[in-house]
């Protein structure tokens, strides 16, 4: 089963801070995921872990 999610929201922070918060696994795991498998790179697939709900999500 494939699931696609499209979200839109307004973030009231400077773009540089938002970008760093998404690409840095340590920052990302402090507020969104339990952990991430690495830093996003073009063409690569990451795994975001949400341990509280026992979910692993592949992110391209």
C-alpha atoms as a PDB file:
ATOM      1  CA  UNK A   1       0.000   0.000   0.000  1.00  0.00           C
ATOM      2  CA  UNK A   2       1.377   3.405  -0.976  1.00  0.00           C
ATOM      3  CA  UNK A   3       0.317   6.478   0.902  1.00  0.00           C
ATOM      4  CA  UNK A   4       0.925  10.030  -0.257  1.00  0.00           C
ATOM      5  CA  UNK A   5       0.516  13.023   2.019  1.00  0.00           C
ATOM      6  CA  UNK A   6       0.445  16.654   0.924  1.00  0.00           C
ATOM      7  CA  UNK A   7       0.446  19.263   3.660  1.00  0.00           C
ATOM      8  CA  UNK A   8       0.486  23.028   3.613  1.00  0.00           C
ATOM      9  CA  UNK A   9       1.110  25.322   6.536  1.00  0.00           C
ATOM     10  CA  UNK A  10       2.609  28.687   7.404  1.00  0.00           C
ATOM     11  CA  UNK A  11       5.786  28.641   9.492  1.00  0.00           C
ATOM     12  CA  UNK A  12       6.662  31.896  11.201  1.00  0.00           C
ATOM     13  CA  UNK A  13      10.431  31.375  11.277  1.00  0.00           C
ATOM     14  CA  UNK A  14      13.273  32.449   8.981  1.00  0.00           C
ATOM     15  CA  UNK A  15      13.679  30.076   6.007  1.00  0.00           C
ATOM     16  CA  UNK A  16      17.277  29.231   6.988  1.00  0.00           C
ATOM     17  CA  UNK A  17      16.166  28.027  10.426  1.00  0.00           C
ATOM     18  CA  UNK A  18      13.335  25.943   8.968  1.00  0.00           C
ATOM     19  CA  UNK A  19      15.673  24.354   6.416  1.00  0.00           C
ATOM     20  CA  UNK A  20      18.276  23.479   9.058  1.00  0.00           C
ATOM     21  CA  UNK A  21      15.550  22.041  11.301  1.00  0.00           C
ATOM     22  CA  UNK A  22      14.466  19.657   8.550  1.00  0.00           C
ATOM     23  CA  UNK A  23      17.864  18.520   7.261  1.00  0.00           C
ATOM     24  CA  UNK A  24      19.591  18.117  10.631  1.00  0.00           C
ATOM     25  CA  UNK A  25      18.496  14.772  12.152  1.00  0.00           C
ATOM     26  CA  UNK A  26      19.347  15.890  15.706  1.00  0.00           C
ATOM     27  CA  UNK A  27      17.152  18.987  15.482  1.00  0.00           C
ATOM     28  CA  UNK A  28      14.370  17.134  13.652  1.00  0.00           C
ATOM     29  CA  UNK A  29      14.248  14.438  16.325  1.00  0.00           C
ATOM     30  CA  UNK A  30      13.933  17.023  19.082  1.00  0.00           C
ATOM     31  CA  UNK A  31      10.478  18.125  17.927  1.00  0.00           C
ATOM     32  CA  UNK A  32       9.056  15.891  15.181  1.00  0.00           C
ATOM     33  CA  UNK A  33      10.529  12.421  14.706  1.00  0.00           C
ATOM     34  CA  UNK A  34      12.082  10.001  17.179  1.00  0.00           C
ATOM     35  CA  UNK A  35      15.077   9.801  14.862  1.00  0.00           C
ATOM     36  CA  UNK A  36      16.057  10.039  11.188  1.00  0.00           C
ATOM     37  CA  UNK A  37      18.384   7.727   9.282  1.00  0.00           C
ATOM     38  CA  UNK A  38      20.558  10.555   7.956  1.00  0.00           C
ATOM     39  CA  UNK A  39      20.821  13.871   6.201  1.00  0.00           C
ATOM     40  CA  UNK A  40      18.635  14.282   3.069  1.00  0.00           C
ATOM     41  CA  UNK A  41      20.514  14.092  -0.214  1.00  0.00           C
ATOM     42  CA  UNK A  42      19.169  14.310  -3.760  1.00  0.00           C
ATOM     43  CA  UNK A  43      17.863  10.967  -4.980  1.00  0.00           C
ATOM     44  CA  UNK A  44      18.257   9.263  -1.593  1.00  0.00           C
ATOM     45  CA  UNK A  45      15.546   7.823   0.627  1.00  0.00           C
ATOM     46  CA  UNK A  46      15.623   8.461   4.372  1.00  0.00           C
ATOM     47  CA  UNK A  47      13.750   6.691   7.105  1.00  0.00           C
ATOM     48  CA  UNK A  48      12.001   8.817   9.698  1.00  0.00           C
ATOM     49  CA  UNK A  49      11.173   6.897  12.873  1.00  0.00           C
ATOM     50  CA  UNK A  50       8.156   7.672  15.052  1.00  0.00           C
ATOM     51  CA  UNK A  51       8.757   5.264  17.913  1.00  0.00           C
ATOM     52  CA  UNK A  52       5.789   6.420  20.011  1.00  0.00           C
ATOM     53  CA  UNK A  53       3.427   5.048  17.349  1.00  0.00           C
ATOM     54  CA  UNK A  54       5.777   2.325  16.022  1.00  0.00           C
ATOM     55  CA  UNK A  55       5.986   3.782  12.517  1.00  0.00           C
ATOM     56  CA  UNK A  56       8.876   4.003  10.075  1.00  0.00           C
ATOM     57  CA  UNK A  57       8.318   6.359   7.159  1.00  0.00           C
ATOM     58  CA  UNK A  58      10.384   6.393   3.954  1.00  0.00           C
ATOM     59  CA  UNK A  59      11.032   9.985   2.856  1.00  0.00           C
ATOM     60  CA  UNK A  60      12.320  10.794  -0.630  1.00  0.00           C
END
